[in-house]
Amino acid sequence: MVDNSRRDYDALIRPIESQMIRSVWRITRNREDAEEAFQDALLAIWKAWRHIRRHPNPRALVLRICINCAHETLRQRARRSRREELGGIPETLADPSLSPSQQASDQEQHEEVMRAIGTLPRNQGQAILMKVVQELPYSDIAAALNCRESTARKHVARARAKLRALLAHLFASKAAEVATQ
Protein backbone atom coordinates (compact mmCIF):
# COMPACT_ATOMS: atom_id res chain seq x y z
CA MET A 1 0.00 0.00 0.00
CA VAL A 2 2.77 2.44 0.93
CA ASP A 3 4.64 1.63 -2.29
CA ASN A 4 1.50 2.31 -4.36
CA SER A 5 0.91 5.62 -2.58
CA ARG A 6 4.51 6.65 -3.12
CA ARG A 7 4.37 5.64 -6.76
CA ASP A 8 1.08 7.54 -7.24
CA TYR A 9 2.55 10.61 -5.53
CA ASP A 10 5.66 10.48 -7.69
CA ALA A 11 3.54 10.11 -10.83
CA LEU A 12 1.01 12.88 -10.16
CA ILE A 13 2.20 15.32 -7.50
CA ARG A 14 5.99 15.41 -7.87
CA PRO A 15 5.91 16.71 -11.50
CA ILE A 16 3.63 19.63 -10.56
CA GLU A 17 4.98 20.33 -7.07
CA SER A 18 6.72 23.56 -8.10
CA GLN A 19 3.58 24.72 -9.91
CA MET A 20 1.57 24.01 -6.76
CA ILE A 21 3.98 26.05 -4.66
CA ARG A 22 3.94 28.93 -7.16
CA SER A 23 0.14 29.01 -7.20
CA VAL A 24 0.05 29.20 -3.41
CA TRP A 25 2.78 31.87 -3.33
CA ARG A 26 1.07 34.05 -5.94
CA ILE A 27 -2.01 34.21 -3.73
CA THR A 28 -0.46 34.49 -0.27
CA ARG A 29 2.69 36.54 -1.06
CA ASN A 30 4.04 35.60 2.35
CA ARG A 31 6.55 32.82 3.10
CA GLU A 32 4.89 31.53 6.27
CA ASP A 33 1.40 31.69 4.79
CA ALA A 34 2.59 29.94 1.62
CA GLU A 35 4.18 27.14 3.64
CA GLU A 36 1.04 26.75 5.75
CA ALA A 37 -1.23 26.75 2.69
CA PHE A 38 0.97 24.25 0.86
CA GLN A 39 0.97 21.88 3.83
CA ASP A 40 -2.81 22.24 4.12
CA ALA A 41 -3.10 21.50 0.40
CA LEU A 42 -0.98 18.36 0.70
CA LEU A 43 -3.16 17.19 3.58
CA ALA A 44 -6.34 17.89 1.61
CA ILE A 45 -4.89 16.06 -1.40
CA TRP A 46 -4.02 13.07 0.77
CA LYS A 47 -7.54 12.97 2.22
CA ALA A 48 -9.14 13.22 -1.24
CA TRP A 49 -6.65 10.92 -2.97
CA ARG A 50 -9.22 8.35 -4.16
CA HIS A 51 -11.37 11.08 -5.66
CA ILE A 52 -8.35 12.78 -7.25
CA ARG A 53 -7.15 9.55 -8.88
CA ARG A 54 -10.58 9.02 -10.48
CA HIS A 55 -11.01 12.64 -11.57
CA PRO A 56 -10.89 13.27 -15.35
CA ASN A 57 -8.13 15.87 -14.84
CA PRO A 58 -6.37 15.19 -11.53
CA ARG A 59 -3.70 17.85 -12.15
CA ALA A 60 -6.30 20.62 -12.43
CA LEU A 61 -8.09 19.35 -9.33
CA VAL A 62 -4.85 19.35 -7.33
CA LEU A 63 -4.16 22.94 -8.41
CA ARG A 64 -7.72 23.91 -7.47
CA ILE A 65 -7.14 22.43 -4.01
CA CYS A 66 -3.95 24.52 -3.72
CA ILE A 67 -5.79 27.70 -4.67
CA ASN A 68 -8.56 26.95 -2.17
CA CYS A 69 -6.06 26.31 0.62
CA ALA A 70 -4.18 29.53 -0.16
CA HIS A 71 -7.40 31.53 0.03
CA GLU A 72 -8.36 29.84 3.27
CA THR A 73 -4.96 30.74 4.71
CA LEU A 74 -5.53 34.39 3.73
CA ARG A 75 -8.97 34.33 5.36
CA GLN A 76 -7.45 32.88 8.53
CA ARG A 77 -4.75 35.56 8.53
CA ALA A 78 -7.38 38.28 8.13
CA ARG A 79 -9.37 36.85 11.05
CA ARG A 80 -6.21 36.67 13.18
CA SER A 81 -5.19 40.21 12.36
CA ARG A 82 -8.66 41.48 13.22
CA ARG A 83 -8.42 39.76 16.59
CA GLU A 84 -4.90 40.96 17.29
CA GLU A 85 -3.97 44.60 17.29
CA LEU A 86 -0.61 44.39 15.52
CA GLY A 87 0.16 48.06 15.99
CA GLY A 88 1.74 48.50 12.56
CA ILE A 89 4.25 45.66 12.77
CA PRO A 90 4.78 44.41 9.19
CA GLU A 91 4.15 40.74 8.50
CA THR A 92 6.79 40.50 5.78
CA LEU A 93 10.08 42.20 5.11
CA ALA A 94 9.93 44.96 2.53
CA ASP A 95 11.66 44.83 -0.85
CA PRO A 96 14.55 47.29 -0.50
CA SER A 97 14.56 48.15 -4.22
CA LEU A 98 11.14 49.84 -3.92
CA SER A 99 10.40 53.05 -2.10
CA PRO A 100 8.36 52.66 1.10
CA SER A 101 5.36 54.34 -0.49
CA GLN A 102 5.56 52.03 -3.54
CA GLN A 103 5.85 48.97 -1.26
CA ALA A 104 2.78 50.01 0.69
CA SER A 105 0.89 50.79 -2.50
CA ASP A 106 1.78 47.45 -4.11
CA GLN A 107 0.79 45.51 -0.98
CA GLU A 108 -2.50 47.41 -0.70
CA GLN A 109 -3.29 46.81 -4.35
CA HIS A 110 -2.50 43.09 -4.07
CA GLU A 111 -4.74 42.78 -1.02
CA GLU A 112 -7.49 44.74 -2.73
CA VAL A 113 -7.35 42.51 -5.81
CA MET A 114 -7.48 39.39 -3.63
CA ARG A 115 -10.43 40.81 -1.67
CA ALA A 116 -12.21 41.58 -4.95
CA ILE A 117 -11.62 38.03 -6.18
CA GLY A 118 -12.96 36.81 -2.83
CA THR A 119 -16.24 38.62 -3.49
CA LEU A 120 -16.80 36.78 -6.76
CA PRO A 121 -19.01 33.70 -6.88
CA ARG A 122 -16.94 30.63 -6.05
CA ASN A 123 -16.65 29.20 -9.59
CA GLN A 124 -15.81 32.59 -11.09
CA GLY A 125 -13.11 33.22 -8.48
CA GLN A 126 -11.56 29.81 -8.98
CA ALA A 127 -11.78 30.05 -12.77
CA ILE A 128 -10.09 33.45 -12.93
CA LEU A 129 -7.29 32.31 -10.62
CA MET A 130 -6.70 29.15 -12.63
CA LYS A 131 -6.69 31.12 -15.90
CA VAL A 132 -4.66 34.16 -14.85
CA VAL A 133 -2.40 32.81 -12.09
CA GLN A 134 -1.91 29.23 -13.23
CA GLU A 135 -2.31 30.00 -16.93
CA LEU A 136 -4.30 26.79 -17.33
CA PRO A 137 -6.15 26.08 -20.57
CA TYR A 138 -9.94 26.24 -20.46
CA SER A 139 -10.15 22.46 -20.79
CA ASP A 140 -8.27 22.02 -17.50
CA ILE A 141 -10.37 24.68 -15.79
CA ALA A 142 -13.54 22.97 -16.98
CA ALA A 143 -12.32 19.62 -15.67
CA ALA A 144 -11.42 21.11 -12.29
CA LEU A 145 -14.77 22.87 -11.98
CA ASN A 146 -16.62 19.85 -13.33
CA CYS A 147 -18.31 21.83 -16.11
CA ARG A 148 -18.14 22.25 -19.88
CA GLU A 149 -15.34 24.27 -21.45
CA SER A 150 -17.83 26.89 -22.63
CA THR A 151 -19.03 27.31 -19.05
CA ALA A 152 -15.44 27.72 -17.84
CA ARG A 153 -14.94 30.45 -20.47
CA LYS A 154 -18.11 32.16 -19.27
CA HIS A 155 -16.92 32.03 -15.63
CA VAL A 156 -13.62 33.67 -16.61
CA ALA A 157 -15.31 36.32 -18.77
CA ARG A 158 -17.80 37.21 -16.05
CA ALA A 159 -15.07 37.32 -13.41
CA ARG A 160 -12.97 39.64 -15.57
CA ALA A 161 -15.94 41.96 -16.14
CA LYS A 162 -16.77 42.10 -12.43
CA LEU A 163 -13.13 42.65 -11.46
CA ARG A 164 -12.81 45.39 -14.07
CA ALA A 165 -15.78 47.17 -12.48
CA LEU A 166 -14.64 46.54 -8.89
CA LEU A 167 -11.06 47.63 -9.55
CA ALA A 168 -11.62 50.46 -12.04
CA HIS A 169 -10.20 52.98 -9.57
CA LEU A 170 -6.87 51.11 -9.56
CA PHE A 171 -6.57 51.41 -13.33
CA ALA A 172 -7.37 55.13 -13.16
CA SER A 173 -4.77 55.75 -10.45
CA LYS A 174 -2.12 53.74 -12.35
CA ALA A 175 -2.79 55.77 -15.51
CA ALA A 176 -2.46 59.01 -13.55
CA GLU A 177 0.76 57.75 -11.95
CA VAL A 178 2.27 56.86 -15.34
CA ALA A 179 1.22 60.23 -16.79
CA THR A 180 3.06 62.13 -14.02
CA GLN A 181 6.32 60.24 -14.55
C-alpha atoms as a PDB file:
ATOM      1  CA  MET A   1       0.000   0.000   0.000  1.00  0.00           C
ATOM      2  CA  VAL A   2       2.767   2.444   0.929  1.00  0.00           C
ATOM      3  CA  ASP A   3       4.644   1.631  -2.294  1.00  0.00           C
ATOM      4  CA  ASN A   4       1.502   2.315  -4.360  1.00  0.00           C
ATOM      5  CA  SER A   5       0.914   5.617  -2.578  1.00  0.00           C
ATOM      6  CA  ARG A   6       4.509   6.649  -3.118  1.00  0.00           C
ATOM      7  CA  ARG A   7       4.366   5.636  -6.764  1.00  0.00           C
ATOM      8  CA  ASP A   8       1.079   7.543  -7.238  1.00  0.00           C
ATOM      9  CA  TYR A   9       2.546  10.614  -5.525  1.00  0.00           C
ATOM     10  CA  ASP A  10       5.662  10.479  -7.693  1.00  0.00           C
ATOM     11  CA  ALA A  11       3.539  10.111 -10.825  1.00  0.00           C
ATOM     12  CA  LEU A  12       1.009  12.875 -10.158  1.00  0.00           C
ATOM     13  CA  ILE A  13       2.203  15.318  -7.503  1.00  0.00           C
ATOM     14  CA  ARG A  14       5.987  15.408  -7.867  1.00  0.00           C
ATOM     15  CA  PRO A  15       5.912  16.709 -11.495  1.00  0.00           C
ATOM     16  CA  ILE A  16       3.631  19.631 -10.558  1.00  0.00           C
ATOM     17  CA  GLU A  17       4.978  20.329  -7.073  1.00  0.00           C
ATOM     18  CA  SER A  18       6.721  23.559  -8.104  1.00  0.00           C
ATOM     19  CA  GLN A  19       3.583  24.725  -9.912  1.00  0.00           C
ATOM     20  CA  MET A  20       1.566  24.008  -6.756  1.00  0.00           C
ATOM     21  CA  ILE A  21       3.980  26.046  -4.661  1.00  0.00           C
ATOM     22  CA  ARG A  22       3.945  28.929  -7.162  1.00  0.00           C
ATOM     23  CA  SER A  23       0.145  29.010  -7.200  1.00  0.00           C
ATOM     24  CA  VAL A  24       0.047  29.202  -3.413  1.00  0.00           C
ATOM     25  CA  TRP A  25       2.781  31.866  -3.334  1.00  0.00           C
ATOM     26  CA  ARG A  26       1.069  34.055  -5.940  1.00  0.00           C
ATOM     27  CA  ILE A  27      -2.007  34.215  -3.735  1.00  0.00           C
ATOM     28  CA  THR A  28      -0.456  34.487  -0.271  1.00  0.00           C
ATOM     29  CA  ARG A  29       2.688  36.541  -1.061  1.00  0.00           C
ATOM     30  CA  ASN A  30       4.041  35.603   2.351  1.00  0.00           C
ATOM     31  CA  ARG A  31       6.546  32.817   3.102  1.00  0.00           C
ATOM     32  CA  GLU A  32       4.894  31.532   6.267  1.00  0.00           C
ATOM     33  CA  ASP A  33       1.403  31.689   4.790  1.00  0.00           C
ATOM     34  CA  ALA A  34       2.588  29.940   1.625  1.00  0.00           C
ATOM     35  CA  GLU A  35       4.182  27.138   3.639  1.00  0.00           C
ATOM     36  CA  GLU A  36       1.044  26.749   5.747  1.00  0.00           C
ATOM     37  CA  ALA A  37      -1.232  26.747   2.694  1.00  0.00           C
ATOM     38  CA  PHE A  38       0.970  24.253   0.861  1.00  0.00           C
ATOM     39  CA  GLN A  39       0.968  21.878   3.829  1.00  0.00           C
ATOM     40  CA  ASP A  40      -2.811  22.241   4.118  1.00  0.00           C
ATOM     41  CA  ALA A  41      -3.103  21.500   0.400  1.00  0.00           C
ATOM     42  CA  LEU A  42      -0.981  18.358   0.703  1.00  0.00           C
ATOM     43  CA  LEU A  43      -3.163  17.191   3.584  1.00  0.00           C
ATOM     44  CA  ALA A  44      -6.345  17.892   1.613  1.00  0.00           C
ATOM     45  CA  ILE A  45      -4.891  16.062  -1.397  1.00  0.00           C
ATOM     46  CA  TRP A  46      -4.020  13.068   0.770  1.00  0.00           C
ATOM     47  CA  LYS A  47      -7.539  12.969   2.221  1.00  0.00           C
ATOM     48  CA  ALA A  48      -9.139  13.215  -1.236  1.00  0.00           C
ATOM     49  CA  TRP A  49      -6.653  10.922  -2.971  1.00  0.00           C
ATOM     50  CA  ARG A  50      -9.217   8.348  -4.155  1.00  0.00           C
ATOM     51  CA  HIS A  51     -11.367  11.083  -5.657  1.00  0.00           C
ATOM     52  CA  ILE A  52      -8.348  12.777  -7.253  1.00  0.00           C
ATOM     53  CA  ARG A  53      -7.150   9.548  -8.877  1.00  0.00           C
ATOM     54  CA  ARG A  54     -10.575   9.021 -10.481  1.00  0.00           C
ATOM     55  CA  HIS A  55     -11.008  12.641 -11.568  1.00  0.00           C
ATOM     56  CA  PRO A  56     -10.886  13.275 -15.346  1.00  0.00           C
ATOM     57  CA  ASN A  57      -8.135  15.875 -14.844  1.00  0.00           C
ATOM     58  CA  PRO A  58      -6.370  15.194 -11.531  1.00  0.00           C
ATOM     59  CA  ARG A  59      -3.704  17.853 -12.154  1.00  0.00           C
ATOM     60  CA  ALA A  60      -6.298  20.617 -12.433  1.00  0.00           C
ATOM     61  CA  LEU A  61      -8.093  19.352  -9.335  1.00  0.00           C
ATOM     62  CA  VAL A  62      -4.853  19.352  -7.334  1.00  0.00           C
ATOM     63  CA  LEU A  63      -4.160  22.944  -8.408  1.00  0.00           C
ATOM     64  CA  ARG A  64      -7.717  23.912  -7.470  1.00  0.00           C
ATOM     65  CA  ILE A  65      -7.139  22.434  -4.013  1.00  0.00           C
ATOM     66  CA  CYS A  66      -3.945  24.519  -3.715  1.00  0.00           C
ATOM     67  CA  ILE A  67      -5.794  27.698  -4.669  1.00  0.00           C
ATOM     68  CA  ASN A  68      -8.560  26.954  -2.166  1.00  0.00           C
ATOM     69  CA  CYS A  69      -6.057  26.310   0.624  1.00  0.00           C
ATOM     70  CA  ALA A  70      -4.180  29.529  -0.164  1.00  0.00           C
ATOM     71  CA  HIS A  71      -7.402  31.532   0.025  1.00  0.00           C
ATOM     72  CA  GLU A  72      -8.363  29.840   3.274  1.00  0.00           C
ATOM     73  CA  THR A  73      -4.959  30.743   4.707  1.00  0.00           C
ATOM     74  CA  LEU A  74      -5.529  34.386   3.729  1.00  0.00           C
ATOM     75  CA  ARG A  75      -8.971  34.326   5.364  1.00  0.00           C
ATOM     76  CA  GLN A  76      -7.446  32.884   8.527  1.00  0.00           C
ATOM     77  CA  ARG A  77      -4.750  35.562   8.531  1.00  0.00           C
ATOM     78  CA  ALA A  78      -7.382  38.282   8.126  1.00  0.00           C
ATOM     79  CA  ARG A  79      -9.368  36.852  11.046  1.00  0.00           C
ATOM     80  CA  ARG A  80      -6.213  36.670  13.184  1.00  0.00           C
ATOM     81  CA  SER A  81      -5.191  40.214  12.364  1.00  0.00           C
ATOM     82  CA  ARG A  82      -8.660  41.482  13.223  1.00  0.00           C
ATOM     83  CA  ARG A  83      -8.418  39.756  16.594  1.00  0.00           C
ATOM     84  CA  GLU A  84      -4.905  40.960  17.291  1.00  0.00           C
ATOM     85  CA  GLU A  85      -3.969  44.597  17.287  1.00  0.00           C
ATOM     86  CA  LEU A  86      -0.614  44.386  15.521  1.00  0.00           C
ATOM     87  CA  GLY A  87       0.164  48.056  15.986  1.00  0.00           C
ATOM     88  CA  GLY A  88       1.743  48.497  12.556  1.00  0.00           C
ATOM     89  CA  ILE A  89       4.251  45.655  12.767  1.00  0.00           C
ATOM     90  CA  PRO A  90       4.776  44.412   9.189  1.00  0.00           C
ATOM     91  CA  GLU A  91       4.148  40.736   8.501  1.00  0.00           C
ATOM     92  CA  THR A  92       6.793  40.501   5.782  1.00  0.00           C
ATOM     93  CA  LEU A  93      10.083  42.202   5.106  1.00  0.00           C
ATOM     94  CA  ALA A  94       9.931  44.955   2.527  1.00  0.00           C
ATOM     95  CA  ASP A  95      11.657  44.829  -0.852  1.00  0.00           C
ATOM     96  CA  PRO A  96      14.553  47.289  -0.496  1.00  0.00           C
ATOM     97  CA  SER A  97      14.558  48.151  -4.223  1.00  0.00           C
ATOM     98  CA  LEU A  98      11.145  49.844  -3.917  1.00  0.00           C
ATOM     99  CA  SER A  99      10.397  53.047  -2.104  1.00  0.00           C
ATOM    100  CA  PRO A 100       8.356  52.664   1.105  1.00  0.00           C
ATOM    101  CA  SER A 101       5.358  54.343  -0.494  1.00  0.00           C
ATOM    102  CA  GLN A 102       5.563  52.025  -3.535  1.00  0.00           C
ATOM    103  CA  GLN A 103       5.851  48.966  -1.255  1.00  0.00           C
ATOM    104  CA  ALA A 104       2.785  50.012   0.690  1.00  0.00           C
ATOM    105  CA  SER A 105       0.889  50.793  -2.498  1.00  0.00           C
ATOM    106  CA  ASP A 106       1.780  47.446  -4.109  1.00  0.00           C
ATOM    107  CA  GLN A 107       0.787  45.508  -0.982  1.00  0.00           C
ATOM    108  CA  GLU A 108      -2.498  47.413  -0.697  1.00  0.00           C
ATOM    109  CA  GLN A 109      -3.293  46.808  -4.354  1.00  0.00           C
ATOM    110  CA  HIS A 110      -2.503  43.091  -4.070  1.00  0.00           C
ATOM    111  CA  GLU A 111      -4.741  42.781  -1.019  1.00  0.00           C
ATOM    112  CA  GLU A 112      -7.493  44.743  -2.735  1.00  0.00           C
ATOM    113  CA  VAL A 113      -7.353  42.507  -5.812  1.00  0.00           C
ATOM    114  CA  MET A 114      -7.478  39.385  -3.627  1.00  0.00           C
ATOM    115  CA  ARG A 115     -10.434  40.807  -1.675  1.00  0.00           C
ATOM    116  CA  ALA A 116     -12.206  41.580  -4.952  1.00  0.00           C
ATOM    117  CA  ILE A 117     -11.622  38.026  -6.178  1.00  0.00           C
ATOM    118  CA  GLY A 118     -12.956  36.809  -2.831  1.00  0.00           C
ATOM    119  CA  THR A 119     -16.244  38.620  -3.488  1.00  0.00           C
ATOM    120  CA  LEU A 120     -16.800  36.784  -6.758  1.00  0.00           C
ATOM    121  CA  PRO A 121     -19.007  33.704  -6.880  1.00  0.00           C
ATOM    122  CA  ARG A 122     -16.936  30.626  -6.054  1.00  0.00           C
ATOM    123  CA  ASN A 123     -16.647  29.201  -9.586  1.00  0.00           C
ATOM    124  CA  GLN A 124     -15.806  32.592 -11.087  1.00  0.00           C
ATOM    125  CA  GLY A 125     -13.108  33.225  -8.482  1.00  0.00           C
ATOM    126  CA  GLN A 126     -11.556  29.813  -8.975  1.00  0.00           C
ATOM    127  CA  ALA A 127     -11.784  30.046 -12.765  1.00  0.00           C
ATOM    128  CA  ILE A 128     -10.087  33.452 -12.932  1.00  0.00           C
ATOM    129  CA  LEU A 129      -7.289  32.312 -10.621  1.00  0.00           C
ATOM    130  CA  MET A 130      -6.700  29.151 -12.627  1.00  0.00           C
ATOM    131  CA  LYS A 131      -6.686  31.119 -15.902  1.00  0.00           C
ATOM    132  CA  VAL A 132      -4.663  34.157 -14.851  1.00  0.00           C
ATOM    133  CA  VAL A 133      -2.398  32.815 -12.093  1.00  0.00           C
ATOM    134  CA  GLN A 134      -1.912  29.231 -13.230  1.00  0.00           C
ATOM    135  CA  GLU A 135      -2.314  29.998 -16.929  1.00  0.00           C
ATOM    136  CA  LEU A 136      -4.299  26.788 -17.334  1.00  0.00           C
ATOM    137  CA  PRO A 137      -6.155  26.078 -20.565  1.00  0.00           C
ATOM    138  CA  TYR A 138      -9.936  26.238 -20.457  1.00  0.00           C
ATOM    139  CA  SER A 139     -10.153  22.459 -20.788  1.00  0.00           C
ATOM    140  CA  ASP A 140      -8.273  22.018 -17.496  1.00  0.00           C
ATOM    141  CA  ILE A 141     -10.367  24.682 -15.789  1.00  0.00           C
ATOM    142  CA  ALA A 142     -13.545  22.968 -16.981  1.00  0.00           C
ATOM    143  CA  ALA A 143     -12.321  19.620 -15.672  1.00  0.00           C
ATOM    144  CA  ALA A 144     -11.417  21.110 -12.288  1.00  0.00           C
ATOM    145  CA  LEU A 145     -14.768  22.873 -11.975  1.00  0.00           C
ATOM    146  CA  ASN A 146     -16.621  19.847 -13.332  1.00  0.00           C
ATOM    147  CA  CYS A 147     -18.312  21.826 -16.109  1.00  0.00           C
ATOM    148  CA  ARG A 148     -18.144  22.253 -19.877  1.00  0.00           C
ATOM    149  CA  GLU A 149     -15.345  24.268 -21.447  1.00  0.00           C
ATOM    150  CA  SER A 150     -17.828  26.892 -22.631  1.00  0.00           C
ATOM    151  CA  THR A 151     -19.028  27.310 -19.046  1.00  0.00           C
ATOM    152  CA  ALA A 152     -15.441  27.724 -17.844  1.00  0.00           C
ATOM    153  CA  ARG A 153     -14.940  30.449 -20.466  1.00  0.00           C
ATOM    154  CA  LYS A 154     -18.106  32.165 -19.272  1.00  0.00           C
ATOM    155  CA  HIS A 155     -16.923  32.029 -15.633  1.00  0.00           C
ATOM    156  CA  VAL A 156     -13.617  33.673 -16.608  1.00  0.00           C
ATOM    157  CA  ALA A 157     -15.307  36.322 -18.766  1.00  0.00           C
ATOM    158  CA  ARG A 158     -17.804  37.214 -16.046  1.00  0.00           C
ATOM    159  CA  ALA A 159     -15.071  37.317 -13.411  1.00  0.00           C
ATOM    160  CA  ARG A 160     -12.972  39.645 -15.573  1.00  0.00           C
ATOM    161  CA  ALA A 161     -15.942  41.956 -16.137  1.00  0.00           C
ATOM    162  CA  LYS A 162     -16.775  42.104 -12.427  1.00  0.00           C
ATOM    163  CA  LEU A 163     -13.133  42.647 -11.457  1.00  0.00           C
ATOM    164  CA  ARG A 164     -12.814  45.389 -14.072  1.00  0.00           C
ATOM    165  CA  ALA A 165     -15.775  47.172 -12.477  1.00  0.00           C
ATOM    166  CA  LEU A 166     -14.644  46.544  -8.890  1.00  0.00           C
ATOM    167  CA  LEU A 167     -11.059  47.630  -9.548  1.00  0.00           C
ATOM    168  CA  ALA A 168     -11.625  50.459 -12.039  1.00  0.00           C
ATOM    169  CA  HIS A 169     -10.203  52.980  -9.570  1.00  0.00           C
ATOM    170  CA  LEU A 170      -6.867  51.106  -9.564  1.00  0.00           C
ATOM    171  CA  PHE A 171      -6.570  51.409 -13.332  1.00  0.00           C
ATOM    172  CA  ALA A 172      -7.366  55.131 -13.163  1.00  0.00           C
ATOM    173  CA  SER A 173      -4.770  55.748 -10.451  1.00  0.00           C
ATOM    174  CA  LYS A 174      -2.118  53.740 -12.353  1.00  0.00           C
ATOM    175  CA  ALA A 175      -2.794  55.768 -15.514  1.00  0.00           C
ATOM    176  CA  ALA A 176      -2.457  59.014 -13.550  1.00  0.00           C
ATOM    177  CA  GLU A 177       0.758  57.747 -11.949  1.00  0.00           C
ATOM    178  CA  VAL A 178       2.275  56.862 -15.341  1.00  0.00           C
ATOM    179  CA  ALA A 179       1.221  60.234 -16.790  1.00  0.00           C
ATOM    180  CA  THR A 180       3.061  62.129 -14.016  1.00  0.00           C
ATOM    181  CA  GLN A 181       6.317  60.238 -14.555  1.00  0.00           C
END
